[in-house]
Protein backbone atom coordinates (compact mmCIF):
# COMPACT_ATOMS: atom_id res chain seq x y z
CA MET A 1 -16.74 -8.66 18.79
CA PRO A 2 -16.33 -11.43 21.40
CA LYS A 3 -12.95 -11.60 23.15
CA LYS A 4 -12.35 -15.09 21.77
CA TYR A 5 -12.37 -13.78 18.18
CA LEU A 6 -10.15 -10.81 19.03
CA LYS A 7 -7.59 -13.21 20.49
CA ILE A 8 -7.69 -15.29 17.31
CA LYS A 9 -7.21 -12.16 15.14
CA PHE A 10 -4.27 -10.97 17.23
CA PHE A 11 -2.74 -14.46 17.12
CA LEU A 12 -2.98 -14.46 13.31
CA ILE A 13 -1.40 -11.01 13.14
CA PHE A 14 1.32 -12.20 15.54
CA ILE A 15 2.08 -15.15 13.24
CA LEU A 16 2.11 -12.87 10.19
CA PHE A 17 4.65 -10.49 11.63
CA PHE A 18 6.92 -13.04 13.18
CA ASN A 19 7.09 -14.93 9.91
CA LEU A 20 8.28 -11.85 8.04
CA THR A 21 11.74 -12.37 6.76
CA SER A 22 14.33 -9.80 6.01
CA TYR A 23 14.82 -8.76 2.42
CA ALA A 24 18.46 -7.74 2.28
CA ASP A 25 18.41 -5.97 -1.10
CA LEU A 26 15.15 -4.07 -0.63
CA LEU A 27 16.62 -0.63 -0.02
CA SER A 28 19.14 -0.90 -2.87
CA GLU A 29 16.46 -2.10 -5.29
CA LEU A 30 14.22 0.81 -4.30
CA LYS A 31 17.06 3.21 -5.06
CA ASP A 32 17.87 1.78 -8.51
CA GLY A 33 15.30 3.87 -10.38
CA GLN A 34 13.32 0.81 -11.52
CA HIS A 35 11.42 -0.32 -8.40
CA VAL A 36 8.56 0.95 -6.26
CA LEU A 37 6.52 -0.60 -3.46
CA PHE A 38 2.78 -1.14 -3.68
CA MET A 39 0.99 -1.71 -0.39
CA ARG A 40 -2.66 -2.51 0.12
CA HIS A 41 -4.11 -0.61 3.06
CA ALA A 42 -4.10 -2.49 6.37
CA ASN A 43 -7.09 -4.42 7.70
CA ALA A 44 -10.38 -2.56 7.29
CA PRO A 45 -13.29 -4.98 7.77
CA GLY A 46 -15.82 -5.24 4.98
CA ILE A 47 -15.82 -4.75 1.22
CA GLY A 48 -16.08 -1.44 -0.61
CA ASP A 49 -17.63 1.51 1.19
CA PRO A 50 -21.11 2.23 2.50
CA ILE A 51 -23.57 3.73 0.02
CA GLY A 52 -23.27 7.52 0.04
CA PHE A 53 -19.75 7.61 1.52
CA LYS A 54 -17.77 10.84 1.10
CA LEU A 55 -14.01 11.09 0.68
CA ASP A 56 -13.90 14.13 2.95
CA ASP A 57 -15.77 12.30 5.74
CA CYS A 58 -13.88 9.37 7.23
CA LYS A 59 -16.88 8.43 9.37
CA SER A 60 -18.80 7.62 6.19
CA GLN A 61 -16.12 5.20 4.91
CA ARG A 62 -14.85 1.74 5.76
CA ASN A 63 -11.89 2.32 8.06
CA LEU A 64 -9.03 0.52 9.77
CA ASP A 65 -9.94 -1.43 12.87
CA GLU A 66 -7.60 -2.02 15.81
CA VAL A 67 -6.05 -5.00 14.03
CA GLY A 68 -5.42 -2.84 10.94
CA ARG A 69 -3.84 -0.02 12.94
CA ASN A 70 -1.51 -2.49 14.69
CA GLN A 71 -0.77 -4.16 11.36
CA ALA A 72 0.28 -0.85 9.78
CA ILE A 73 2.51 0.04 12.74
CA LYS A 74 4.23 -3.36 12.59
CA ILE A 75 4.71 -3.14 8.83
CA GLY A 76 6.34 0.26 9.33
CA ALA A 77 8.70 -1.31 11.86
CA TRP A 78 9.47 -4.10 9.38
CA LEU A 79 10.23 -1.56 6.63
CA ARG A 80 12.58 0.34 8.97
CA ALA A 81 14.30 -2.97 9.81
CA GLN A 82 14.92 -3.37 6.05
CA GLY A 83 16.73 0.00 6.07
CA ILE A 84 13.85 2.18 4.89
CA LYS A 85 14.02 4.99 7.42
CA GLU A 86 12.33 7.53 5.16
CA ALA A 87 10.29 7.22 1.97
CA MET A 88 8.09 9.20 -0.38
CA ILE A 89 4.65 7.83 0.43
CA TYR A 90 1.77 8.36 -2.00
CA SER A 91 -1.67 7.42 -0.75
CA SER A 92 -5.11 7.02 -2.18
CA PRO A 93 -7.41 9.71 -0.74
CA TRP A 94 -9.49 7.06 1.09
CA CYS A 95 -9.07 7.35 4.86
CA ARG A 96 -8.04 3.71 5.35
CA CYS A 97 -5.11 4.28 2.96
CA ILE A 98 -4.11 7.62 4.48
CA ASP A 99 -4.25 6.14 7.99
CA THR A 100 -2.18 3.12 6.93
CA ALA A 101 0.41 5.38 5.28
CA ASN A 102 0.67 7.63 8.33
CA LEU A 103 0.97 4.69 10.73
CA LEU A 104 3.97 3.37 8.78
CA ASN A 105 5.79 6.37 10.26
CA ILE A 106 8.47 6.55 7.57
CA GLY A 107 7.74 9.79 5.76
CA LYS A 108 5.38 12.51 4.71
CA VAL A 109 2.19 11.19 3.14
CA THR A 110 1.01 12.82 -0.09
CA ILE A 111 -2.40 12.17 -1.63
CA GLU A 112 -2.06 10.81 -5.18
CA GLN A 113 -5.16 10.58 -7.36
CA SER A 114 -3.67 7.94 -9.68
CA VAL A 115 -4.01 5.37 -6.87
CA SER A 116 -7.63 6.31 -6.00
CA SER A 117 -9.91 3.32 -5.71
CA ILE A 118 -11.48 2.11 -8.93
CA PHE A 119 -13.70 -0.36 -7.05
CA ASN A 120 -16.93 1.51 -7.77
CA ASP A 121 -16.09 2.23 -11.41
CA PRO A 122 -13.99 -0.50 -13.08
CA LYS A 123 -14.21 1.44 -16.39
CA LEU A 124 -11.56 3.73 -14.90
CA GLU A 125 -9.00 0.89 -14.82
CA ASN A 126 -7.14 1.77 -18.04
CA GLN A 127 -7.08 5.51 -17.34
CA SER A 128 -5.95 4.87 -13.77
CA LYS A 129 -3.18 2.54 -14.95
CA ASN A 130 -1.99 5.07 -17.56
CA ASP A 131 -2.03 7.93 -15.04
CA LEU A 132 -0.09 5.81 -12.55
CA GLN A 133 2.51 4.83 -15.17
CA GLN A 134 3.05 8.50 -16.02
CA PHE A 135 3.35 9.42 -12.35
CA ILE A 136 5.86 6.62 -11.70
CA LYS A 137 7.86 7.61 -14.79
CA TYR A 138 8.02 11.21 -13.60
CA LYS A 139 8.91 10.35 -9.99
CA LEU A 140 11.62 7.85 -10.93
CA SER A 141 13.10 10.29 -13.45
CA THR A 142 13.78 12.77 -10.64
CA ARG A 143 16.21 10.17 -9.23
CA SER A 144 15.47 10.96 -5.61
CA ASN A 145 17.35 8.77 -3.20
CA LEU A 146 14.15 8.04 -1.27
CA PRO A 147 12.12 4.90 -1.90
CA ILE A 148 8.62 5.33 -3.36
CA ILE A 149 5.70 3.62 -1.65
CA PHE A 150 2.11 3.62 -2.92
CA VAL A 151 -0.59 2.83 -0.36
CA THR A 152 -3.71 1.92 -2.28
CA HIS A 153 -6.45 -0.65 -2.78
CA GLN A 154 -6.50 -4.30 -3.85
CA VAL A 155 -8.34 -3.50 -7.11
CA ASN A 156 -5.73 -0.92 -8.08
CA ILE A 157 -2.79 -3.17 -7.30
CA GLU A 158 -4.37 -6.04 -9.20
CA ALA A 159 -5.12 -3.78 -12.19
CA PHE A 160 -1.46 -2.69 -12.32
CA THR A 161 0.28 -6.00 -11.51
CA ASN A 162 -2.34 -8.71 -12.10
CA GLN A 163 -1.64 -9.86 -8.51
CA PHE A 164 -4.25 -10.15 -5.74
CA VAL A 165 -2.92 -8.71 -2.46
CA LEU A 166 -4.34 -9.21 1.03
CA SER A 167 -4.79 -6.34 3.48
CA GLY A 168 -1.35 -5.03 4.42
CA GLY A 169 0.26 -6.92 1.54
CA ILE A 170 3.31 -5.40 -0.14
CA LEU A 171 4.73 -5.98 -3.61
CA LEU A 172 8.14 -4.84 -4.82
CA VAL A 173 7.30 -3.80 -8.38
CA GLU A 174 9.84 -3.44 -11.18
CA VAL A 175 8.91 -0.96 -13.90
CA ASP A 176 10.51 0.14 -17.15
CA ASN A 177 11.65 3.69 -17.99
CA ASN A 178 8.06 4.59 -18.93
CA GLY A 179 6.66 3.48 -15.57
CA LYS A 180 5.13 0.36 -17.10
CA TYR A 181 4.86 -2.77 -14.97
CA LEU A 182 7.45 -5.49 -15.71
CA THR A 183 7.41 -7.90 -12.77
CA HIS A 184 7.00 -8.08 -9.01
CA LYS A 185 8.07 -9.90 -5.84
CA GLU A 186 5.70 -10.53 -2.95
CA LEU A 187 7.24 -9.19 0.23
CA ILE A 188 4.22 -9.42 2.51
CA GLN A 189 1.11 -11.29 1.44
């Protein structure tokens, strides 16, 4: 990619992160037993994955670029500035999600199948949403003091919240006692 375009990308990322505002109640809301964070993986150029990709082979997938890696690191710094020093992070098994989750640097990353991409098979949307609701219900019922963050894909977030999210976007999602979506606030879009 020509240097000119890289400079433009980094400028846009610079604007994004210096326009982030603090969200004073974020940590307390994430500890109330009714809120979780949904994050779309950071910038990974393209759409979907190459034909024949394999989940156990990152080289066969669409992955984070340099902009995406920097974006994830800066989002992690922003989360720490909001008081989130440690979280339970659940990631889709796709490498771009795992890498984003690890680069946040705020907790151990656990693979969670209920946030696996449904891009290639939209018929899985209802099952995926039900599985995710059950997982959220279970995790929130344990009343851990750690915030819960899901790093997943745009199609999954939209299926759960009916909200389109850009790469690196984060929603604070309120759920009921059964893990069912109620409402959300855009924190990073």
